[in-house]
């Protein structure tokens, strides 16, 4: 077992901080409870309104050991430089190298500094689920009325990015029904052109998917929302997902559908 773990924070490794040793890592088991209890006169107890989970906490025990007091102070400054990221960023910890967390630094420590040693805890508040380092793609070719069912092996609800591309004619309209929820599109898509439905943003754009990291990014110049009605697609955990494509206008009978998503875990 290595003497220290490595944390990569906003793409910068903790090994850039001289003398830093990372020990025990503690992760809150689940995200914070965010539901609401509403008292009702004349009723025992109350009504409960559920809500999806809030953030988790990751706490890391650390120390810095240097050859001199001056070197220790320089190392502490390097630590502050490494930690000082104001935006939400990626956090990767070497004991779970296949996933990353999206989070912010929280509760900066008052280090216990004496001579050539400093001890402290670092804390991040992260989104409730960790993210797979790699995205997953499901692709198929639909006709004018097509049902596709597969098991994406999800543990959480997931917002995908779905691309629609006719290859042998024009689409003038379609319904995309994902697990019972319908998104309707009205507009011209010529053969070989792509329309991208980004449920993360949520937004619909003309053109290929540019959001390769699945962060909700999109090209503002390609936004097309005037012909959009209904609910954006959402993938569900624990079993099969069904996507139904129905052409409502146009001539295309071969439509390539690509679903890109990133699995999430409770790690």
Protein backbone atom coordinates (compact mmCIF):
# COMPACT_ATOMS: atom_id res chain seq x y z
CA UNK A 1 0.00 0.00 0.00
CA UNK A 2 1.42 3.44 -0.89
CA UNK A 3 2.42 5.79 1.91
CA UNK A 4 0.12 8.50 0.53
CA UNK A 5 -2.92 8.76 -1.67
CA UNK A 6 -2.98 11.14 -4.61
CA UNK A 7 -5.80 13.63 -5.15
CA UNK A 8 -6.26 15.34 -8.49
CA UNK A 9 -8.16 18.59 -8.02
CA UNK A 10 -9.19 20.59 -11.09
CA UNK A 11 -6.72 18.49 -13.16
CA UNK A 12 -3.74 19.28 -10.83
CA UNK A 13 -2.28 16.44 -8.75
CA UNK A 14 -1.57 16.76 -5.03
CA UNK A 15 1.99 15.59 -5.75
CA UNK A 16 2.71 19.19 -6.79
CA UNK A 17 2.58 20.17 -3.09
CA UNK A 18 6.00 19.38 -1.54
CA UNK A 19 5.95 17.01 1.41
CA UNK A 20 2.17 16.45 1.37
CA UNK A 21 0.99 13.09 2.70
CA UNK A 22 -2.69 12.14 2.33
CA UNK A 23 -4.08 9.58 4.75
CA UNK A 24 -7.61 8.54 5.63
CA UNK A 25 -10.43 9.61 3.30
CA UNK A 26 -13.96 9.78 4.72
CA UNK A 27 -16.98 10.01 2.43
CA UNK A 28 -20.52 10.73 3.61
CA UNK A 29 -22.51 7.59 2.72
CA UNK A 30 -25.35 9.43 0.92
CA UNK A 31 -26.20 12.97 -0.11
CA UNK A 32 -28.00 15.31 2.30
CA UNK A 33 -31.72 14.91 2.89
CA UNK A 34 -33.62 17.73 1.14
CA UNK A 35 -37.26 16.67 1.55
CA UNK A 36 -39.84 18.84 3.29
CA UNK A 37 -42.09 18.08 6.27
CA UNK A 38 -45.29 20.15 6.13
CA UNK A 39 -47.46 20.17 9.29
CA UNK A 40 -51.18 19.82 8.59
CA UNK A 41 -53.69 21.04 11.21
CA UNK A 42 -55.75 18.18 12.61
CA UNK A 43 -53.44 15.53 11.22
CA UNK A 44 -51.01 13.44 13.23
CA UNK A 45 -47.48 14.00 12.04
CA UNK A 46 -47.23 15.85 8.74
CA UNK A 47 -47.11 15.53 4.96
CA UNK A 48 -43.72 14.60 3.54
CA UNK A 49 -42.61 15.89 0.14
CA UNK A 50 -39.59 14.02 -1.15
CA UNK A 51 -36.71 15.64 -3.02
CA UNK A 52 -33.60 14.32 -4.69
CA UNK A 53 -30.50 14.24 -2.55
CA UNK A 54 -28.18 17.12 -1.81
CA UNK A 55 -24.39 17.14 -1.58
CA UNK A 56 -22.04 14.73 0.16
CA UNK A 57 -18.94 15.60 2.17
CA UNK A 58 -15.45 14.21 1.55
CA UNK A 59 -12.95 14.74 4.36
CA UNK A 60 -9.24 13.97 3.99
CA UNK A 61 -6.65 13.73 6.79
CA UNK A 62 -3.27 15.16 5.74
CA UNK A 63 0.09 16.35 6.97
CA UNK A 64 3.07 18.15 5.49
CA UNK A 65 6.60 17.40 6.64
CA UNK A 66 9.51 19.50 5.41
CA UNK A 67 13.23 19.78 6.12
CA UNK A 68 13.00 23.27 7.67
CA UNK A 69 10.42 25.70 9.01
CA UNK A 70 10.84 27.85 5.89
CA UNK A 71 10.30 24.85 3.62
CA UNK A 72 7.19 23.94 5.59
CA UNK A 73 5.79 27.45 5.12
CA UNK A 74 6.55 27.33 1.40
CA UNK A 75 4.76 23.99 1.18
CA UNK A 76 1.71 25.41 2.97
CA UNK A 77 1.58 28.23 0.44
CA UNK A 78 1.76 25.66 -2.36
CA UNK A 79 -1.12 23.81 -0.68
CA UNK A 80 -3.22 26.99 -0.62
CA UNK A 81 -2.42 27.64 -4.29
CA UNK A 82 -3.52 24.10 -5.17
CA UNK A 83 -6.77 24.31 -3.21
CA UNK A 84 -7.82 27.78 -4.34
CA UNK A 85 -10.32 26.90 -7.09
CA UNK A 86 -13.47 29.02 -6.93
CA UNK A 87 -15.55 27.12 -9.50
CA UNK A 88 -17.01 23.64 -9.14
CA UNK A 89 -14.36 21.25 -10.46
CA UNK A 90 -13.40 17.59 -10.84
CA UNK A 91 -12.03 15.72 -7.84
CA UNK A 92 -10.28 12.36 -8.36
CA UNK A 93 -8.96 10.30 -5.43
CA UNK A 94 -6.51 7.47 -6.08
CA UNK A 95 -8.43 4.95 -3.95
CA UNK A 96 -11.31 5.21 -6.50
CA UNK A 97 -9.44 6.01 -9.73
CA UNK A 98 -12.23 5.06 -12.16
CA UNK A 99 -14.65 7.75 -10.95
CA UNK A 100 -14.57 11.48 -10.28
CA UNK A 101 -16.63 13.85 -8.13
CA UNK A 102 -17.86 17.33 -8.97
CA UNK A 103 -17.39 19.57 -5.98
CA UNK A 104 -16.11 22.68 -4.26
CA UNK A 105 -13.61 23.12 -1.46
CA UNK A 106 -15.25 23.76 1.91
CA UNK A 107 -14.26 24.61 5.51
CA UNK A 108 -10.64 25.50 4.97
CA UNK A 109 -8.50 24.26 7.85
CA UNK A 110 -6.61 26.06 10.59
CA UNK A 111 -3.47 23.94 10.22
CA UNK A 112 -1.60 22.85 13.34
CA UNK A 113 1.87 24.06 12.35
CA UNK A 114 4.96 23.47 14.47
CA UNK A 115 8.58 23.40 13.39
CA UNK A 116 8.82 21.37 10.16
CA UNK A 117 5.37 19.67 10.38
CA UNK A 118 1.78 20.78 9.72
CA UNK A 119 -1.32 18.63 10.25
CA UNK A 120 -4.80 19.43 8.94
CA UNK A 121 -7.98 18.14 7.31
CA UNK A 122 -9.24 19.08 3.87
CA UNK A 123 -12.93 19.06 3.01
CA UNK A 124 -14.91 19.06 -0.22
CA UNK A 125 -18.66 19.31 -0.75
CA UNK A 126 -19.47 17.19 -3.81
CA UNK A 127 -22.50 16.26 -5.84
CA UNK A 128 -24.39 13.26 -4.39
CA UNK A 129 -23.07 10.74 -6.93
CA UNK A 130 -19.63 10.02 -8.34
CA UNK A 131 -19.26 9.95 -12.12
CA UNK A 132 -17.78 7.27 -14.36
CA UNK A 133 -14.52 8.47 -15.91
CA UNK A 134 -15.78 7.29 -19.32
CA UNK A 135 -19.03 8.03 -21.12
CA UNK A 136 -21.24 5.26 -22.53
CA UNK A 137 -22.85 5.26 -25.99
CA UNK A 138 -25.89 3.34 -27.28
CA UNK A 139 -26.52 3.60 -31.04
CA UNK A 140 -29.13 2.08 -33.35
CA UNK A 141 -30.88 2.72 -36.66
CA UNK A 142 -34.63 3.38 -36.47
CA UNK A 143 -37.28 3.36 -39.15
CA UNK A 144 -40.34 5.60 -39.26
CA UNK A 145 -41.84 3.92 -36.15
CA UNK A 146 -39.31 2.12 -34.01
CA UNK A 147 -38.99 0.91 -30.39
CA UNK A 148 -35.53 0.34 -28.91
CA UNK A 149 -35.11 -1.27 -25.47
CA UNK A 150 -31.87 -1.91 -23.60
CA UNK A 151 -30.51 -2.10 -20.07
CA UNK A 152 -27.92 0.67 -19.48
CA UNK A 153 -27.09 -0.72 -16.01
CA UNK A 154 -27.78 2.57 -14.22
CA UNK A 155 -27.97 3.09 -10.47
CA UNK A 156 -29.33 6.65 -10.65
CA UNK A 157 -31.62 8.71 -12.85
CA UNK A 158 -29.57 10.07 -15.73
CA UNK A 159 -29.87 12.95 -18.21
CA UNK A 160 -28.55 11.81 -21.62
CA UNK A 161 -27.56 13.58 -24.83
CA UNK A 162 -29.44 12.12 -27.82
CA UNK A 163 -28.54 12.76 -31.47
CA UNK A 164 -31.01 12.17 -34.33
CA UNK A 165 -29.70 11.88 -37.91
CA UNK A 166 -31.79 10.90 -40.98
CA UNK A 167 -29.63 9.22 -43.62
CA UNK A 168 -31.97 8.55 -46.57
CA UNK A 169 -34.43 11.43 -46.63
CA UNK A 170 -35.74 14.45 -44.79
CA UNK A 171 -37.31 14.64 -41.34
CA UNK A 172 -39.90 17.39 -40.85
CA UNK A 173 -41.07 16.25 -37.44
CA UNK A 174 -40.83 13.41 -34.94
CA UNK A 175 -41.80 12.28 -31.46
CA UNK A 176 -39.13 10.85 -29.18
CA UNK A 177 -40.74 8.90 -26.35
CA UNK A 178 -38.28 7.99 -23.58
CA UNK A 179 -39.64 5.79 -20.80
CA UNK A 180 -43.15 7.13 -21.42
CA UNK A 181 -42.24 10.84 -21.65
CA UNK A 182 -42.62 12.51 -25.08
CA UNK A 183 -40.51 15.21 -26.70
CA UNK A 184 -41.97 16.51 -29.98
CA UNK A 185 -39.85 18.14 -32.69
CA UNK A 186 -41.15 20.14 -35.65
CA UNK A 187 -38.58 21.45 -38.13
CA UNK A 188 -36.58 20.44 -41.19
CA UNK A 189 -33.65 18.04 -40.83
CA UNK A 190 -32.15 17.14 -44.19
CA UNK A 191 -30.44 13.82 -44.95
CA UNK A 192 -27.08 13.67 -43.15
CA UNK A 193 -27.89 16.59 -40.84
CA UNK A 194 -28.05 16.04 -37.06
CA UNK A 195 -30.22 17.46 -34.31
CA UNK A 196 -28.97 17.08 -30.74
CA UNK A 197 -31.24 16.84 -27.69
CA UNK A 198 -29.21 17.71 -24.59
CA UNK A 199 -31.19 16.85 -21.46
CA UNK A 200 -28.42 18.13 -19.19
CA UNK A 201 -28.75 21.77 -20.33
CA UNK A 202 -31.71 21.18 -21.27
CA UNK A 203 -31.56 22.44 -24.87
CA UNK A 204 -32.01 21.32 -28.49
CA UNK A 205 -29.39 22.31 -31.07
CA UNK A 206 -28.93 21.82 -34.78
CA UNK A 207 -25.64 20.03 -35.44
CA UNK A 208 -23.60 17.20 -33.97
CA UNK A 209 -23.13 16.83 -30.24
CA UNK A 210 -20.35 19.14 -29.03
CA UNK A 211 -20.85 18.29 -25.35
CA UNK A 212 -18.39 15.40 -25.31
CA UNK A 213 -17.79 15.70 -21.53
CA UNK A 214 -21.55 15.79 -20.80
CA UNK A 215 -21.49 18.99 -18.77
CA UNK A 216 -24.47 20.67 -20.46
CA UNK A 217 -22.30 22.70 -22.86
CA UNK A 218 -23.73 23.75 -26.25
CA UNK A 219 -23.18 26.16 -29.13
CA UNK A 220 -25.53 29.10 -28.65
CA UNK A 221 -25.66 29.76 -32.41
CA UNK A 222 -27.17 26.31 -33.01
CA UNK A 223 -30.03 26.51 -30.50
CA UNK A 224 -33.43 25.48 -31.90
CA UNK A 225 -36.34 25.57 -29.44
CA UNK A 226 -39.25 27.02 -31.43
CA UNK A 227 -40.43 23.59 -32.62
CA UNK A 228 -39.93 21.78 -29.33
CA UNK A 229 -42.70 20.57 -27.03
CA UNK A 230 -42.85 18.12 -24.16
CA UNK A 231 -40.40 16.59 -21.69
CA UNK A 232 -36.66 16.15 -22.14
CA UNK A 233 -35.48 12.52 -22.04
CA UNK A 234 -34.40 10.92 -18.78
CA UNK A 235 -32.93 7.45 -18.31
CA UNK A 236 -34.08 5.43 -15.32
CA UNK A 237 -32.17 3.06 -13.00
CA UNK A 238 -32.71 -0.60 -12.22
CA UNK A 239 -33.72 -2.19 -15.48
CA UNK A 240 -34.63 -1.66 -19.10
CA UNK A 241 -35.03 1.73 -20.74
CA UNK A 242 -37.21 2.22 -23.82
CA UNK A 243 -36.83 4.88 -26.51
CA UNK A 244 -39.54 5.04 -29.16
CA UNK A 245 -38.99 7.08 -32.33
CA UNK A 246 -42.03 8.06 -34.39
CA UNK A 247 -41.65 10.09 -37.60
CA UNK A 248 -44.56 12.53 -37.79
CA UNK A 249 -43.57 14.23 -41.07
CA UNK A 250 -40.95 13.77 -43.76
CA UNK A 251 -39.61 10.99 -45.97
CA UNK A 252 -36.70 9.44 -44.02
CA UNK A 253 -36.96 5.74 -43.17
CA UNK A 254 -33.43 5.21 -41.82
CA UNK A 255 -32.62 7.37 -38.81
CA UNK A 256 -29.46 6.92 -36.73
CA UNK A 257 -30.11 7.53 -33.04
CA UNK A 258 -27.19 7.91 -30.62
CA UNK A 259 -27.63 8.12 -26.85
CA UNK A 260 -24.60 9.25 -24.82
CA UNK A 261 -24.62 9.20 -21.02
CA UNK A 262 -22.29 8.94 -18.05
CA UNK A 263 -23.01 6.36 -15.35
CA UNK A 264 -23.10 7.56 -11.75
CA UNK A 265 -22.45 5.68 -8.50
CA UNK A 266 -22.75 5.94 -4.73
CA UNK A 267 -19.01 5.34 -4.30
